[in-house]
C-alpha cells in the first residue's frame, strides 16, 4: 500500500499522513491560504520570523518495515514574503 506524508523538509517535521497525493495536496491548499506566522505555518524554531516552511509530499511503500520512500514532490514554500507553489498550483 502507498502512504503519502506531508513533510516540512526544512525542519524535518512530518505534518500528516494521507491515503492519496490528492488528499495531501488538498491539505497544502488549505495551508497555502493561512498566514506564514499562524499555526500550522509558523516555524517551530526560535528564528521563525526569518525562517520558512518547505512542504513536500513524500510517498512511501508501507508494506515493508521500515517504510520505503518511493517519491518526494516539492509542493509549497511559506515564509514572510508569501507563498510559492512549486508547479502544482
N, C-alpha and C. Protein backbone atom coordinates (compact mmCIF):
# COMPACT_ATOMS: atom_id res chain seq x y z
N UNK A 1 0.85 -1.18 0.00
CA UNK A 1 0.00 0.00 0.00
C UNK A 1 0.89 1.24 0.00
N UNK A 2 0.39 2.31 -0.56
CA UNK A 2 1.13 3.56 -0.62
C UNK A 2 0.56 4.54 0.40
N UNK A 3 1.45 5.21 1.11
CA UNK A 3 1.09 6.23 2.09
C UNK A 3 1.77 7.53 1.68
N UNK A 4 1.07 8.64 1.82
CA UNK A 4 1.61 9.95 1.48
C UNK A 4 1.72 10.78 2.75
N UNK A 5 2.89 11.39 2.95
CA UNK A 5 3.15 12.16 4.15
C UNK A 5 3.54 13.58 3.74
N UNK A 6 2.94 14.58 4.40
CA UNK A 6 3.41 15.95 4.23
C UNK A 6 4.56 16.13 5.20
N UNK A 7 5.67 16.60 4.66
CA UNK A 7 6.84 16.86 5.49
C UNK A 7 7.29 18.30 5.27
N UNK A 8 7.62 18.99 6.37
CA UNK A 8 8.33 20.26 6.26
C UNK A 8 9.79 19.86 6.14
N UNK A 9 10.28 19.86 4.92
CA UNK A 9 11.61 19.36 4.63
C UNK A 9 12.70 20.16 5.34
N UNK A 10 12.48 21.46 5.51
CA UNK A 10 13.49 22.31 6.14
C UNK A 10 13.68 21.95 7.62
N UNK A 11 12.58 21.60 8.31
CA UNK A 11 12.64 21.28 9.74
C UNK A 11 12.55 19.78 10.02
N UNK A 12 12.47 18.97 8.96
CA UNK A 12 12.36 17.51 9.09
C UNK A 12 11.19 17.12 9.99
N UNK A 13 10.06 17.80 9.79
CA UNK A 13 8.84 17.53 10.57
C UNK A 13 7.76 16.91 9.69
N UNK A 14 7.24 15.78 10.10
CA UNK A 14 6.08 15.22 9.43
C UNK A 14 4.86 15.99 9.87
N UNK A 15 4.01 16.32 8.90
CA UNK A 15 2.86 17.17 9.15
C UNK A 15 1.52 16.49 8.86
N UNK A 16 1.52 15.21 8.64
CA UNK A 16 0.28 14.50 8.40
C UNK A 16 0.47 13.35 7.43
N UNK A 17 -0.39 12.36 7.56
CA UNK A 17 -0.34 11.14 6.75
C UNK A 17 -1.66 11.01 6.00
N UNK A 18 -1.60 10.67 4.70
CA UNK A 18 -2.78 10.66 3.85
C UNK A 18 -2.79 9.41 2.97
N UNK A 19 -3.97 9.05 2.49
CA UNK A 19 -4.14 7.87 1.66
C UNK A 19 -3.87 8.14 0.18
N UNK A 20 -3.81 9.42 -0.22
CA UNK A 20 -3.56 9.75 -1.61
C UNK A 20 -2.79 11.07 -1.71
N UNK A 21 -2.13 11.25 -2.85
CA UNK A 21 -1.44 12.52 -3.11
C UNK A 21 -2.46 13.65 -3.12
N UNK A 22 -3.63 13.41 -3.74
CA UNK A 22 -4.65 14.45 -3.83
C UNK A 22 -5.12 14.91 -2.45
N UNK A 23 -5.24 14.00 -1.50
CA UNK A 23 -5.65 14.37 -0.14
C UNK A 23 -4.56 15.21 0.53
N UNK A 24 -3.30 14.84 0.35
CA UNK A 24 -2.20 15.62 0.92
C UNK A 24 -2.15 16.99 0.26
N UNK A 25 -2.35 17.03 -1.05
CA UNK A 25 -2.33 18.30 -1.77
C UNK A 25 -3.47 19.21 -1.31
N UNK A 26 -4.64 18.64 -1.06
CA UNK A 26 -5.77 19.43 -0.57
C UNK A 26 -5.44 20.09 0.77
N UNK A 27 -4.76 19.36 1.64
CA UNK A 27 -4.33 19.94 2.91
C UNK A 27 -3.35 21.08 2.68
N UNK A 28 -2.45 20.93 1.73
CA UNK A 28 -1.50 22.01 1.45
C UNK A 28 -2.17 23.21 0.80
N UNK A 29 -3.23 23.00 0.04
CA UNK A 29 -4.01 24.14 -0.49
C UNK A 29 -4.59 24.94 0.66
N UNK A 30 -5.08 24.25 1.67
CA UNK A 30 -5.60 24.93 2.86
C UNK A 30 -4.49 25.71 3.55
N UNK A 31 -3.34 25.09 3.71
CA UNK A 31 -2.21 25.76 4.37
C UNK A 31 -1.71 26.95 3.57
N UNK A 32 -1.81 26.88 2.26
CA UNK A 32 -1.39 27.99 1.43
C UNK A 32 -2.21 29.24 1.64
N UNK A 33 -3.40 29.09 2.20
CA UNK A 33 -4.28 30.23 2.47
C UNK A 33 -4.12 30.76 3.90
N UNK A 34 -3.27 30.12 4.70
CA UNK A 34 -3.03 30.52 6.08
C UNK A 34 -1.76 31.36 6.13
N UNK A 35 -1.78 32.42 6.95
CA UNK A 35 -0.62 33.31 7.06
C UNK A 35 0.62 32.56 7.54
N UNK A 36 1.78 33.01 7.13
CA UNK A 36 3.06 32.36 7.46
C UNK A 36 3.32 32.32 8.96
N UNK A 37 2.77 33.26 9.71
CA UNK A 37 3.05 33.34 11.15
C UNK A 37 1.94 32.73 12.00
N UNK A 38 1.04 32.00 11.38
CA UNK A 38 -0.06 31.33 12.09
C UNK A 38 0.15 29.82 12.03
N UNK A 39 -0.35 29.12 13.03
CA UNK A 39 -0.30 27.66 13.05
C UNK A 39 -1.13 27.14 11.89
N UNK A 40 -0.70 26.19 11.13
CA UNK A 40 0.48 25.35 11.26
C UNK A 40 1.70 25.87 10.50
N UNK A 41 1.60 27.05 9.87
CA UNK A 41 2.71 27.55 9.06
C UNK A 41 3.83 28.21 9.86
N UNK A 42 3.53 28.63 11.08
CA UNK A 42 4.59 29.24 11.89
C UNK A 42 5.66 28.20 12.20
N UNK A 43 6.89 28.55 11.92
CA UNK A 43 8.01 27.62 12.11
C UNK A 43 8.25 27.34 13.59
N UNK A 44 8.75 26.15 13.91
CA UNK A 44 8.96 25.77 15.30
C UNK A 44 10.25 26.31 15.91
N UNK A 45 11.11 26.91 15.10
CA UNK A 45 12.42 27.35 15.58
C UNK A 45 12.34 28.76 16.18
N UNK A 46 13.38 29.13 16.91
CA UNK A 46 13.40 30.45 17.56
C UNK A 46 13.55 31.58 16.54
N UNK A 47 14.04 31.29 15.36
CA UNK A 47 14.18 32.31 14.32
C UNK A 47 13.01 32.25 13.33
N UNK A 48 11.82 31.93 13.82
CA UNK A 48 10.67 31.72 12.96
C UNK A 48 10.32 32.93 12.11
N UNK A 49 10.64 34.13 12.57
CA UNK A 49 10.29 35.35 11.81
C UNK A 49 11.06 35.44 10.50
N UNK A 50 12.21 34.80 10.42
CA UNK A 50 13.01 34.84 9.19
C UNK A 50 13.15 33.45 8.56
N UNK A 51 12.42 32.50 9.07
CA UNK A 51 12.52 31.13 8.60
C UNK A 51 11.39 30.84 7.60
N UNK A 52 11.29 29.59 7.17
CA UNK A 52 10.25 29.21 6.21
C UNK A 52 9.84 27.76 6.42
N UNK A 53 8.72 27.43 5.84
CA UNK A 53 8.26 26.05 5.74
C UNK A 53 8.46 25.61 4.30
N UNK A 54 9.05 24.46 4.11
CA UNK A 54 9.24 23.87 2.78
C UNK A 54 8.47 22.56 2.75
N UNK A 55 7.21 22.63 2.33
CA UNK A 55 6.35 21.45 2.34
C UNK A 55 6.59 20.58 1.11
N UNK A 56 6.81 19.29 1.34
CA UNK A 56 6.91 18.30 0.29
C UNK A 56 5.93 17.17 0.61
N UNK A 57 5.51 16.46 -0.42
CA UNK A 57 4.71 15.25 -0.21
C UNK A 57 5.63 14.07 -0.49
N UNK A 58 5.79 13.23 0.53
CA UNK A 58 6.67 12.07 0.44
C UNK A 58 5.80 10.83 0.29
N UNK A 59 6.12 10.02 -0.70
CA UNK A 59 5.38 8.79 -0.97
C UNK A 59 6.16 7.61 -0.40
N UNK A 60 5.47 6.76 0.36
CA UNK A 60 6.10 5.60 0.97
C UNK A 60 5.35 4.32 0.60
N UNK A 61 6.10 3.24 0.51
CA UNK A 61 5.53 1.90 0.43
C UNK A 61 5.54 1.38 1.87
N UNK A 62 4.36 1.22 2.46
CA UNK A 62 4.29 0.80 3.86
C UNK A 62 4.16 -0.72 4.02
N UNK A 63 4.36 -1.47 2.94
CA UNK A 63 4.31 -2.94 3.03
C UNK A 63 5.59 -3.51 3.62
N UNK A 64 6.61 -2.66 3.73
CA UNK A 64 7.88 -3.09 4.31
C UNK A 64 8.16 -2.28 5.57
N UNK A 65 8.99 -2.81 6.43
CA UNK A 65 9.35 -2.11 7.65
C UNK A 65 10.86 -2.03 7.75
N UNK A 66 11.44 -0.86 7.85
CA UNK A 66 10.75 0.43 7.86
C UNK A 66 10.20 0.76 6.47
N UNK A 67 9.28 1.74 6.44
CA UNK A 67 8.69 2.14 5.18
C UNK A 67 9.78 2.54 4.19
N UNK A 68 9.53 2.23 2.92
CA UNK A 68 10.47 2.59 1.87
C UNK A 68 9.97 3.83 1.13
N UNK A 69 10.79 4.89 1.10
CA UNK A 69 10.42 6.09 0.36
C UNK A 69 10.51 5.79 -1.13
N UNK A 70 9.42 6.12 -1.86
CA UNK A 70 9.39 5.86 -3.30
C UNK A 70 9.25 7.14 -4.12
N UNK A 71 9.05 8.26 -3.47
CA UNK A 71 8.94 9.53 -4.19
C UNK A 71 8.88 10.71 -3.24
N UNK A 72 9.31 11.87 -3.75
CA UNK A 72 9.32 13.10 -2.95
C UNK A 72 9.02 14.24 -3.91
N UNK A 73 7.92 14.98 -3.64
CA UNK A 73 7.49 16.04 -4.53
C UNK A 73 7.41 17.38 -3.79
N UNK A 74 8.26 18.36 -4.13
CA UNK A 74 8.14 19.69 -3.54
C UNK A 74 6.82 20.32 -3.99
N UNK A 75 6.08 20.90 -3.04
CA UNK A 75 4.77 21.45 -3.38
C UNK A 75 4.65 22.92 -3.01
N UNK A 76 5.04 23.29 -1.80
CA UNK A 76 4.69 24.62 -1.29
C UNK A 76 5.77 25.14 -0.34
N UNK A 77 6.13 26.43 -0.52
CA UNK A 77 7.00 27.13 0.42
C UNK A 77 6.20 28.28 1.01
N UNK A 78 6.34 28.48 2.33
CA UNK A 78 5.63 29.55 3.01
C UNK A 78 6.62 30.30 3.89
N UNK A 79 6.68 31.63 3.70
CA UNK A 79 7.53 32.47 4.55
C UNK A 79 6.95 33.87 4.62
N UNK A 80 7.67 34.78 5.25
CA UNK A 80 7.17 36.15 5.44
C UNK A 80 6.90 36.86 4.11
N UNK A 81 7.57 36.46 3.06
CA UNK A 81 7.38 37.06 1.73
C UNK A 81 6.13 36.56 1.04
N UNK A 82 5.58 35.44 1.51
CA UNK A 82 4.38 34.90 0.91
C UNK A 82 4.47 33.41 0.63
N UNK A 83 3.67 32.98 -0.32
CA UNK A 83 3.53 31.57 -0.67
C UNK A 83 4.12 31.35 -2.06
N UNK A 84 4.86 30.27 -2.21
CA UNK A 84 5.38 29.88 -3.52
C UNK A 84 4.95 28.44 -3.79
N UNK A 85 4.23 28.26 -4.90
CA UNK A 85 3.83 26.93 -5.34
C UNK A 85 4.89 26.39 -6.29
N UNK A 86 5.21 25.13 -6.16
CA UNK A 86 6.23 24.51 -6.99
C UNK A 86 5.61 23.63 -8.07
N UNK A 87 4.94 24.27 -9.03
CA UNK A 87 4.42 23.56 -10.18
C UNK A 87 3.13 22.80 -9.97
N UNK A 88 2.42 23.06 -8.87
CA UNK A 88 1.19 22.28 -8.60
C UNK A 88 0.00 23.17 -8.29
N UNK A 89 0.11 24.43 -8.47
CA UNK A 89 -0.92 25.38 -8.06
C UNK A 89 -2.27 25.08 -8.65
